[in-house]
Amino acid sequence: MIIGPNAVILGYVLRSIPNSDFSMGDFGGRLRLQKIIYLVEAFGVYLGYGFSWYLRGPYCTSLTRAGLELEQVASEIPDNARAQFLRKAARERFDRCVRFIGSIMDGPNDLDRLEIAASVHLLAKDSALSKKDIFGRIVSKMPQGHTSREQLGRHCDDMWDRLVGHSLVSDDARDPGPAQRQAGGAQGSGYRVTAVPEHMDRIMGAMTDYQQYGDVALAVTMKDIHDSRQELRANSPPAFMHRPNEVEQLAPDPDLDGLITRVLRQYG
């Protein structure tokens, strides 16, 4: 199987963030990965991943692929591994993000505020939605479980205020203009994803032997759509986060460099 250096770097980044327990075997683990890395980039530390709006907020298929690669080598990354970025500005931004994530997660399975923070940021930055409509869109997509709609709404308010405090969102409760009202009007008929294997191993086993991690990532994405039982709308335009020109680099580190070399020799 082919595993690139980005998987190792991703592992070092996750080791540096509280409650980022890595797992690709369940939806919660994959959601945690997506939202944490989105927030790292939202704080200004670009790692090379481009996100669009998905069923449950920001999502990047290439990050899913990197996560699947990391899964093969995660045991080789030391528990005390930490990401040290080359640029001082990146280090400072990353530290701010680490503190932010630590303040909104009481444990690895405390995902509501993490999901809401990432979703609020993407829609506030890359859509014409009003603050009220942003909150409504986010809450409507979250499952009805132990958290009430009222509590989710309070989380939205809280995450908005926190993002404003970090200058990541402008405190502007926009009113919808004509273009937005038109875009938010009648939508076309929906469609559902069907005939998806129930178990991840059936997806993985069909593709990993052929090193088709891109196809595996797509299959995982389709499975999550299927399992969510949510109807997709063909004419619901996704919001895209604009990508910087350069990916932030980690500072030279003998342990990191040695692990990347071993991984490339073994899996490259």
C-alpha atoms as a PDB file:
ATOM      1  CA  MET A   1       0.000   0.000   0.000  1.00  0.00           C
ATOM      2  CA  ILE A   2       1.163   3.564  -0.702  1.00  0.00           C
ATOM      3  CA  ILE A   3       1.384   5.873   2.304  1.00  0.00           C
ATOM      4  CA  GLY A   4       2.675   9.408   1.919  1.00  0.00           C
ATOM      5  CA  PRO A   5       4.429  11.737   4.358  1.00  0.00           C
ATOM      6  CA  ASN A   6       1.231  13.745   4.846  1.00  0.00           C
ATOM      7  CA  ALA A   7      -0.197  10.860   6.865  1.00  0.00           C
ATOM      8  CA  VAL A   8       2.698  11.057   9.326  1.00  0.00           C
ATOM      9  CA  ILE A   9       2.450  14.847   9.539  1.00  0.00           C
ATOM     10  CA  LEU A  10      -1.281  14.512  10.180  1.00  0.00           C
ATOM     11  CA  GLY A  11      -0.502  12.133  13.032  1.00  0.00           C
ATOM     12  CA  TYR A  12       1.912  14.626  14.596  1.00  0.00           C
ATOM     13  CA  VAL A  13      -0.674  17.409  14.329  1.00  0.00           C
ATOM     14  CA  LEU A  14      -3.354  15.289  15.995  1.00  0.00           C
ATOM     15  CA  ARG A  15      -0.996  14.234  18.796  1.00  0.00           C
ATOM     16  CA  SER A  16      -0.645  17.945  19.622  1.00  0.00           C
ATOM     17  CA  ILE A  17      -4.372  18.586  20.076  1.00  0.00           C
ATOM     18  CA  PRO A  18      -6.373  17.625  23.175  1.00  0.00           C
ATOM     19  CA  ASN A  19      -9.195  15.092  22.762  1.00  0.00           C
ATOM     20  CA  SER A  20      -8.231  14.387  19.151  1.00  0.00           C
ATOM     21  CA  ASP A  21      -8.270  10.600  19.654  1.00  0.00           C
ATOM     22  CA  PHE A  22      -7.690   9.201  16.173  1.00  0.00           C
ATOM     23  CA  SER A  23     -10.131   6.664  14.756  1.00  0.00           C
ATOM     24  CA  MET A  24     -11.422   5.975  11.258  1.00  0.00           C
ATOM     25  CA  GLY A  25     -13.620   3.043  12.277  1.00  0.00           C
ATOM     26  CA  ASP A  26     -16.706   5.000  13.296  1.00  0.00           C
ATOM     27  CA  PHE A  27     -18.555   8.094  12.149  1.00  0.00           C
ATOM     28  CA  GLY A  28     -17.742  10.052  15.301  1.00  0.00           C
ATOM     29  CA  GLY A  29     -14.027   9.499  14.809  1.00  0.00           C
ATOM     30  CA  ARG A  30     -14.156  10.602  11.195  1.00  0.00           C
ATOM     31  CA  LEU A  31     -16.242  13.660  12.093  1.00  0.00           C
ATOM     32  CA  ARG A  32     -13.767  14.580  14.850  1.00  0.00           C
ATOM     33  CA  LEU A  33     -10.858  14.366  12.390  1.00  0.00           C
ATOM     34  CA  GLN A  34     -12.592  16.547   9.806  1.00  0.00           C
ATOM     35  CA  LYS A  35     -13.693  19.276  12.199  1.00  0.00           C
ATOM     36  CA  ILE A  36     -10.405  19.468  14.108  1.00  0.00           C
ATOM     37  CA  ILE A  37      -8.307  19.833  10.959  1.00  0.00           C
ATOM     38  CA  TYR A  38     -10.795  22.316   9.521  1.00  0.00           C
ATOM     39  CA  LEU A  39     -10.413  24.484  12.621  1.00  0.00           C
ATOM     40  CA  VAL A  40      -6.615  24.248  12.427  1.00  0.00           C
ATOM     41  CA  GLU A  41      -6.834  25.698   8.923  1.00  0.00           C
ATOM     42  CA  ALA A  42      -9.487  28.224   9.984  1.00  0.00           C
ATOM     43  CA  PHE A  43      -7.000  29.570  12.524  1.00  0.00           C
ATOM     44  CA  GLY A  44      -4.561  30.165   9.665  1.00  0.00           C
ATOM     45  CA  VAL A  45      -2.422  27.005   9.627  1.00  0.00           C
ATOM     46  CA  TYR A  46      -2.971  25.611   6.132  1.00  0.00           C
ATOM     47  CA  LEU A  47      -2.186  21.889   5.914  1.00  0.00           C
ATOM     48  CA  GLY A  48      -3.164  21.356   2.289  1.00  0.00           C
ATOM     49  CA  TYR A  49      -6.794  20.328   2.679  1.00  0.00           C
ATOM     50  CA  GLY A  50      -9.696  22.045   0.942  1.00  0.00           C
ATOM     51  CA  PHE A  51     -13.130  21.773   2.537  1.00  0.00           C
ATOM     52  CA  SER A  52     -16.672  22.068   1.244  1.00  0.00           C
ATOM     53  CA  TRP A  53     -20.058  21.916   2.950  1.00  0.00           C
ATOM     54  CA  TYR A  54     -21.149  18.339   3.537  1.00  0.00           C
ATOM     55  CA  LEU A  55     -24.024  16.707   5.419  1.00  0.00           C
ATOM     56  CA  ARG A  56     -22.528  17.623   8.779  1.00  0.00           C
ATOM     57  CA  GLY A  57     -20.443  20.686   8.047  1.00  0.00           C
ATOM     58  CA  PRO A  58     -16.947  21.083   6.544  1.00  0.00           C
ATOM     59  CA  TYR A  59     -15.636  17.964   4.830  1.00  0.00           C
ATOM     60  CA  CYS A  60     -12.588  17.062   2.724  1.00  0.00           C
ATOM     61  CA  THR A  61     -12.296  13.726   0.898  1.00  0.00           C
ATOM     62  CA  SER A  62      -8.505  13.994   0.625  1.00  0.00           C
ATOM     63  CA  LEU A  63      -8.362  14.310   4.423  1.00  0.00           C
ATOM     64  CA  THR A  64     -10.342  11.078   4.693  1.00  0.00           C
ATOM     65  CA  ARG A  65      -7.764   9.480   2.418  1.00  0.00           C
ATOM     66  CA  ALA A  66      -4.914  10.799   4.584  1.00  0.00           C
ATOM     67  CA  GLY A  67      -6.716   9.454   7.640  1.00  0.00           C
ATOM     68  CA  LEU A  68      -6.966   6.006   6.081  1.00  0.00           C
ATOM     69  CA  GLU A  69      -3.244   6.103   5.362  1.00  0.00           C
ATOM     70  CA  LEU A  70      -2.498   7.289   8.897  1.00  0.00           C
ATOM     71  CA  GLU A  71      -4.499   4.362  10.237  1.00  0.00           C
ATOM     72  CA  GLN A  72      -1.830   2.024   8.849  1.00  0.00           C
ATOM     73  CA  VAL A  73       1.066   3.747  10.648  1.00  0.00           C
ATOM     74  CA  ALA A  74      -0.543   5.437  13.675  1.00  0.00           C
ATOM     75  CA  SER A  75       1.052   2.961  16.084  1.00  0.00           C
ATOM     76  CA  GLU A  76       4.502   4.139  14.957  1.00  0.00           C
ATOM     77  CA  ILE A  77       3.879   7.754  15.982  1.00  0.00           C
ATOM     78  CA  PRO A  78       5.083   8.373  19.561  1.00  0.00           C
ATOM     79  CA  ASP A  79       2.488   9.405  22.130  1.00  0.00           C
ATOM     80  CA  ASN A  80       4.596  12.471  22.962  1.00  0.00           C
ATOM     81  CA  ALA A  81       4.975  13.541  19.324  1.00  0.00           C
ATOM     82  CA  ARG A  82       4.182  17.210  18.757  1.00  0.00           C
ATOM     83  CA  ALA A  83       3.876  19.313  15.620  1.00  0.00           C
ATOM     84  CA  GLN A  84       6.412  22.165  15.592  1.00  0.00           C
ATOM     85  CA  PHE A  85       5.794  24.451  12.649  1.00  0.00           C
ATOM     86  CA  LEU A  86       8.652  26.157  10.869  1.00  0.00           C
ATOM     87  CA  ARG A  87       7.171  29.655  10.804  1.00  0.00           C
ATOM     88  CA  LYS A  88       6.671  31.517  14.074  1.00  0.00           C
ATOM     89  CA  ALA A  89       3.312  32.863  12.893  1.00  0.00           C
ATOM     90  CA  ALA A  90       2.095  29.324  12.191  1.00  0.00           C
ATOM     91  CA  ARG A  91       3.245  28.153  15.628  1.00  0.00           C
ATOM     92  CA  GLU A  92       1.366  30.970  17.322  1.00  0.00           C
ATOM     93  CA  ARG A  93      -1.796  30.341  15.310  1.00  0.00           C
ATOM     94  CA  PHE A  94      -1.618  26.613  15.972  1.00  0.00           C
ATOM     95  CA  ASP A  95      -1.228  27.210  19.705  1.00  0.00           C
ATOM     96  CA  ARG A  96      -4.307  29.445  19.645  1.00  0.00           C
ATOM     97  CA  CYS A  97      -6.252  26.731  17.856  1.00  0.00           C
ATOM     98  CA  VAL A  98      -5.122  24.059  20.321  1.00  0.00           C
ATOM     99  CA  ARG A  99      -6.332  26.207  23.212  1.00  0.00           C
ATOM    100  CA  PHE A 100      -9.618  26.903  21.443  1.00  0.00           C
ATOM    101  CA  ILE A 101     -10.327  23.227  20.781  1.00  0.00           C
ATOM    102  CA  GLY A 102      -9.388  22.382  24.353  1.00  0.00           C
ATOM    103  CA  SER A 103     -11.924  24.928  25.580  1.00  0.00           C
ATOM    104  CA  ILE A 104     -14.864  23.486  23.614  1.00  0.00           C
ATOM    105  CA  MET A 105     -14.278  19.749  24.112  1.00  0.00           C
ATOM    106  CA  ASP A 106     -14.582  18.058  27.492  1.00  0.00           C
ATOM    107  CA  GLY A 107     -13.537  14.733  25.975  1.00  0.00           C
ATOM    108  CA  PRO A 108     -12.981  13.018  22.608  1.00  0.00           C
ATOM    109  CA  ASN A 109     -16.692  12.226  22.246  1.00  0.00           C
ATOM    110  CA  ASP A 110     -17.815  15.769  23.075  1.00  0.00           C
ATOM    111  CA  LEU A 111     -18.426  16.643  19.433  1.00  0.00           C
ATOM    112  CA  ASP A 112     -21.435  18.977  19.314  1.00  0.00           C
ATOM    113  CA  ARG A 113     -19.560  22.227  19.926  1.00  0.00           C
ATOM    114  CA  LEU A 114     -16.655  21.115  17.734  1.00  0.00           C
ATOM    115  CA  GLU A 115     -19.005  20.409  14.840  1.00  0.00           C
ATOM    116  CA  ILE A 116     -20.923  23.636  15.373  1.00  0.00           C
ATOM    117  CA  ALA A 117     -17.786  25.796  15.596  1.00  0.00           C
ATOM    118  CA  ALA A 118     -16.430  24.448  12.306  1.00  0.00           C
ATOM    119  CA  SER A 119     -19.812  24.710  10.588  1.00  0.00           C
ATOM    120  CA  VAL A 120     -20.464  28.253  11.815  1.00  0.00           C
ATOM    121  CA  HIS A 121     -17.074  29.376  10.532  1.00  0.00           C
ATOM    122  CA  LEU A 122     -17.468  27.894   7.060  1.00  0.00           C
ATOM    123  CA  LEU A 123     -20.958  29.264   6.495  1.00  0.00           C
ATOM    124  CA  ALA A 124     -20.106  32.666   7.979  1.00  0.00           C
ATOM    125  CA  LYS A 125     -17.050  33.022   5.745  1.00  0.00           C
ATOM    126  CA  ASP A 126     -18.249  31.441   2.510  1.00  0.00           C
ATOM    127  CA  SER A 127     -22.000  31.889   2.237  1.00  0.00           C
ATOM    128  CA  ALA A 128     -24.440  34.790   2.041  1.00  0.00           C
ATOM    129  CA  LEU A 129     -26.596  33.366   4.823  1.00  0.00           C
ATOM    130  CA  SER A 130     -27.705  35.517   7.729  1.00  0.00           C
ATOM    131  CA  LYS A 131     -26.604  34.584  11.235  1.00  0.00           C
ATOM    132  CA  LYS A 132     -30.084  33.223  11.972  1.00  0.00           C
ATOM    133  CA  ASP A 133     -30.112  31.114   8.813  1.00  0.00           C
ATOM    134  CA  ILE A 134     -26.608  29.814   9.523  1.00  0.00           C
ATOM    135  CA  PHE A 135     -27.759  28.566  12.911  1.00  0.00           C
ATOM    136  CA  GLY A 136     -30.920  27.083  11.420  1.00  0.00           C
ATOM    137  CA  ARG A 137     -29.030  25.212   8.738  1.00  0.00           C
ATOM    138  CA  ILE A 138     -26.554  23.761  11.224  1.00  0.00           C
ATOM    139  CA  VAL A 139     -29.129  22.664  13.798  1.00  0.00           C
ATOM    140  CA  SER A 140     -31.385  21.115  11.141  1.00  0.00           C
ATOM    141  CA  LYS A 141     -28.563  18.818   9.994  1.00  0.00           C
ATOM    142  CA  MET A 142     -27.591  17.573  13.447  1.00  0.00           C
ATOM    143  CA  PRO A 143     -29.228  14.346  14.671  1.00  0.00           C
ATOM    144  CA  GLN A 144     -31.938  14.396  17.277  1.00  0.00           C
ATOM    145  CA  GLY A 145     -30.289  12.764  20.250  1.00  0.00           C
ATOM    146  CA  HIS A 146     -29.387  13.625  23.795  1.00  0.00           C
ATOM    147  CA  THR A 147     -28.967  17.329  22.947  1.00  0.00           C
ATOM    148  CA  SER A 148     -32.128  19.381  22.455  1.00  0.00           C
ATOM    149  CA  ARG A 149     -32.613  21.806  19.593  1.00  0.00           C
ATOM    150  CA  GLU A 150     -32.650  24.626  22.137  1.00  0.00           C
ATOM    151  CA  GLN A 151     -29.289  23.568  23.541  1.00  0.00           C
ATOM    152  CA  LEU A 152     -27.816  23.266  20.042  1.00  0.00           C
ATOM    153  CA  GLY A 153     -29.033  26.793  19.357  1.00  0.00           C
ATOM    154  CA  ARG A 154     -27.284  28.019  22.495  1.00  0.00           C
ATOM    155  CA  HIS A 155     -24.124  26.234  21.356  1.00  0.00           C
ATOM    156  CA  CYS A 156     -24.388  28.090  18.033  1.00  0.00           C
ATOM    157  CA  ASP A 157     -24.566  31.432  19.837  1.00  0.00           C
ATOM    158  CA  ASP A 158     -21.649  30.492  22.063  1.00  0.00           C
ATOM    159  CA  MET A 159     -19.447  29.287  19.204  1.00  0.00           C
ATOM    160  CA  TRP A 160     -20.268  32.405  17.164  1.00  0.00           C
ATOM    161  CA  ASP A 161     -19.190  34.633  20.048  1.00  0.00           C
ATOM    162  CA  ARG A 162     -15.994  32.638  20.584  1.00  0.00           C
ATOM    163  CA  LEU A 163     -15.094  32.803  16.891  1.00  0.00           C
ATOM    164  CA  VAL A 164     -15.758  36.548  16.916  1.00  0.00           C
ATOM    165  CA  GLY A 165     -13.434  36.796  19.906  1.00  0.00           C
ATOM    166  CA  HIS A 166     -10.685  35.183  17.839  1.00  0.00           C
ATOM    167  CA  SER A 167     -11.444  37.485  14.861  1.00  0.00           C
ATOM    168  CA  LEU A 168     -12.398  34.457  12.760  1.00  0.00           C
ATOM    169  CA  VAL A 169     -15.972  35.634  12.199  1.00  0.00           C
ATOM    170  CA  SER A 170     -17.303  39.164  11.840  1.00  0.00           C
ATOM    171  CA  ASP A 171     -20.073  39.932  14.320  1.00  0.00           C
ATOM    172  CA  ASP A 172     -22.482  40.859  11.561  1.00  0.00           C
ATOM    173  CA  ALA A 173     -25.980  39.386  11.669  1.00  0.00           C
ATOM    174  CA  ARG A 174     -26.533  39.775   7.962  1.00  0.00           C
ATOM    175  CA  ASP A 175     -29.989  40.278   6.525  1.00  0.00           C
ATOM    176  CA  PRO A 176     -30.718  38.190   3.438  1.00  0.00           C
ATOM    177  CA  GLY A 177     -30.561  40.092   0.193  1.00  0.00           C
ATOM    178  CA  PRO A 178     -32.519  39.368  -3.004  1.00  0.00           C
ATOM    179  CA  ALA A 179     -29.900  36.943  -4.319  1.00  0.00           C
ATOM    180  CA  GLN A 180     -29.912  34.965  -1.090  1.00  0.00           C
ATOM    181  CA  ARG A 181     -33.710  34.841  -0.910  1.00  0.00           C
ATOM    182  CA  GLN A 182     -33.777  33.551  -4.460  1.00  0.00           C
ATOM    183  CA  ALA A 183     -31.077  30.976  -3.739  1.00  0.00           C
ATOM    184  CA  GLY A 184     -32.937  29.836  -0.635  1.00  0.00           C
ATOM    185  CA  GLY A 185     -36.194  29.299  -2.481  1.00  0.00           C
ATOM    186  CA  ALA A 186     -37.651  26.155  -3.963  1.00  0.00           C
ATOM    187  CA  GLN A 187     -35.215  23.300  -4.326  1.00  0.00           C
ATOM    188  CA  GLY A 188     -35.234  20.416  -6.728  1.00  0.00           C
ATOM    189  CA  SER A 189     -36.174  16.874  -5.854  1.00  0.00           C
ATOM    190  CA  GLY A 190     -33.845  15.076  -3.494  1.00  0.00           C
ATOM    191  CA  TYR A 191     -32.107  11.746  -3.847  1.00  0.00           C
ATOM    192  CA  ARG A 192     -30.670   9.146  -1.519  1.00  0.00           C
ATOM    193  CA  VAL A 193     -27.607   6.933  -1.638  1.00  0.00           C
ATOM    194  CA  THR A 194     -28.587   3.253  -1.598  1.00  0.00           C
ATOM    195  CA  ALA A 195     -26.913  -0.160  -1.784  1.00  0.00           C
ATOM    196  CA  VAL A 196     -23.940   0.760   0.402  1.00  0.00           C
ATOM    197  CA  PRO A 197     -22.253  -2.119   2.313  1.00  0.00           C
ATOM    198  CA  GLU A 198     -23.131  -2.085   5.992  1.00  0.00           C
ATOM    199  CA  HIS A 199     -19.647  -2.735   7.311  1.00  0.00           C
ATOM    200  CA  MET A 200     -16.501  -0.721   6.746  1.00  0.00           C
ATOM    201  CA  ASP A 201     -14.376  -3.829   6.296  1.00  0.00           C
ATOM    202  CA  ARG A 202     -16.357  -4.782   3.202  1.00  0.00           C
ATOM    203  CA  ILE A 203     -15.532  -1.408   1.688  1.00  0.00           C
ATOM    204  CA  MET A 204     -11.917  -1.457   2.771  1.00  0.00           C
ATOM    205  CA  GLY A 205     -11.259  -5.022   1.732  1.00  0.00           C
ATOM    206  CA  ALA A 206     -12.459  -4.374  -1.789  1.00  0.00           C
ATOM    207  CA  MET A 207      -9.935  -1.615  -2.390  1.00  0.00           C
ATOM    208  CA  THR A 208      -6.976  -1.526  -0.039  1.00  0.00           C
ATOM    209  CA  ASP A 209      -5.238  -4.483  -1.673  1.00  0.00           C
ATOM    210  CA  TYR A 210      -5.066  -2.386  -4.831  1.00  0.00           C
ATOM    211  CA  GLN A 211      -3.866   0.743  -3.004  1.00  0.00           C
ATOM    212  CA  GLN A 212      -6.998   2.588  -4.059  1.00  0.00           C
ATOM    213  CA  TYR A 213      -7.184   4.881  -1.055  1.00  0.00           C
ATOM    214  CA  GLY A 214      -8.890   7.593  -3.063  1.00  0.00           C
ATOM    215  CA  ASP A 215     -11.692   5.147  -3.859  1.00  0.00           C
ATOM    216  CA  VAL A 216     -11.822   4.031  -0.229  1.00  0.00           C
ATOM    217  CA  ALA A 217     -12.205   7.648   0.884  1.00  0.00           C
ATOM    218  CA  LEU A 218     -15.039   8.120  -1.595  1.00  0.00           C
ATOM    219  CA  ALA A 219     -16.684   4.898  -0.422  1.00  0.00           C
ATOM    220  CA  VAL A 220     -16.459   6.019   3.199  1.00  0.00           C
ATOM    221  CA  THR A 221     -18.038   9.321   2.222  1.00  0.00           C
ATOM    222  CA  MET A 222     -20.894   7.565   0.451  1.00  0.00           C
ATOM    223  CA  LYS A 223     -21.407   5.231   3.402  1.00  0.00           C
ATOM    224  CA  ASP A 224     -21.716   8.178   5.771  1.00  0.00           C
ATOM    225  CA  ILE A 225     -24.307   9.745   3.474  1.00  0.00           C
ATOM    226  CA  HIS A 226     -26.199   6.456   3.392  1.00  0.00           C
ATOM    227  CA  ASP A 227     -26.057   5.930   7.150  1.00  0.00           C
ATOM    228  CA  SER A 228     -27.212   9.462   7.894  1.00  0.00           C
ATOM    229  CA  ARG A 229     -30.402   8.741   5.924  1.00  0.00           C
ATOM    230  CA  GLN A 230     -30.471  12.367   4.881  1.00  0.00           C
ATOM    231  CA  GLU A 231     -31.810  13.486   1.556  1.00  0.00           C
ATOM    232  CA  LEU A 232     -29.344  15.346  -0.651  1.00  0.00           C
ATOM    233  CA  ARG A 233     -30.320  18.208  -2.902  1.00  0.00           C
ATOM    234  CA  ALA A 234     -28.644  18.398  -6.268  1.00  0.00           C
ATOM    235  CA  ASN A 235     -28.987  22.176  -6.467  1.00  0.00           C
ATOM    236  CA  SER A 236     -27.777  22.995  -2.955  1.00  0.00           C
ATOM    237  CA  PRO A 237     -24.469  24.730  -3.763  1.00  0.00           C
ATOM    238  CA  PRO A 238     -21.625  23.893  -1.377  1.00  0.00           C
ATOM    239  CA  ALA A 239     -19.564  26.620   0.217  1.00  0.00           C
ATOM    240  CA  PHE A 240     -15.828  26.327  -0.336  1.00  0.00           C
ATOM    241  CA  MET A 241     -13.059  27.627   1.863  1.00  0.00           C
ATOM    242  CA  HIS A 242     -10.462  29.557  -0.140  1.00  0.00           C
ATOM    243  CA  ARG A 243      -7.066  27.879  -0.098  1.00  0.00           C
ATOM    244  CA  PRO A 244      -3.827  29.740   0.687  1.00  0.00           C
ATOM    245  CA  ASN A 245      -0.934  29.384  -1.705  1.00  0.00           C
ATOM    246  CA  GLU A 246       1.468  27.507   0.562  1.00  0.00           C
ATOM    247  CA  VAL A 247       1.147  24.593   2.963  1.00  0.00           C
ATOM    248  CA  GLU A 248       2.691  25.206   6.382  1.00  0.00           C
ATOM    249  CA  GLN A 249       5.840  23.134   6.926  1.00  0.00           C
ATOM    250  CA  LEU A 250       6.972  21.437  10.116  1.00  0.00           C
ATOM    251  CA  ALA A 251      10.381  22.312  11.509  1.00  0.00           C
ATOM    252  CA  PRO A 252      13.155  19.739  10.976  1.00  0.00           C
ATOM    253  CA  ASP A 253      12.889  17.005  13.574  1.00  0.00           C
ATOM    254  CA  PRO A 254      15.071  13.860  13.588  1.00  0.00           C
ATOM    255  CA  ASP A 255      12.283  11.615  14.904  1.00  0.00           C
ATOM    256  CA  LEU A 256       9.703  12.921  12.446  1.00  0.00           C
ATOM    257  CA  ASP A 257      12.100  12.821   9.511  1.00  0.00           C
ATOM    258  CA  GLY A 258      13.228   9.328  10.442  1.00  0.00           C
ATOM    259  CA  LEU A 259       9.652   8.067  10.669  1.00  0.00           C
ATOM    260  CA  ILE A 260       8.746   9.594   7.307  1.00  0.00           C
ATOM    261  CA  THR A 261      11.804   7.932   5.757  1.00  0.00           C
ATOM    262  CA  ARG A 262      10.871   4.540   7.240  1.00  0.00           C
ATOM    263  CA  VAL A 263       7.266   4.881   6.112  1.00  0.00           C
ATOM    264  CA  LEU A 264       8.278   5.799   2.571  1.00  0.00           C
ATOM    265  CA  ARG A 265      10.681   2.864   2.399  1.00  0.00           C
ATOM    266  CA  GLN A 266       8.136   0.413   3.765  1.00  0.00           C
ATOM    267  CA  TYR A 267       4.943   1.650   2.141  1.00  0.00           C
ATOM    268  CA  GLY A 268       5.977   3.989  -0.647  1.00  0.00           C
END
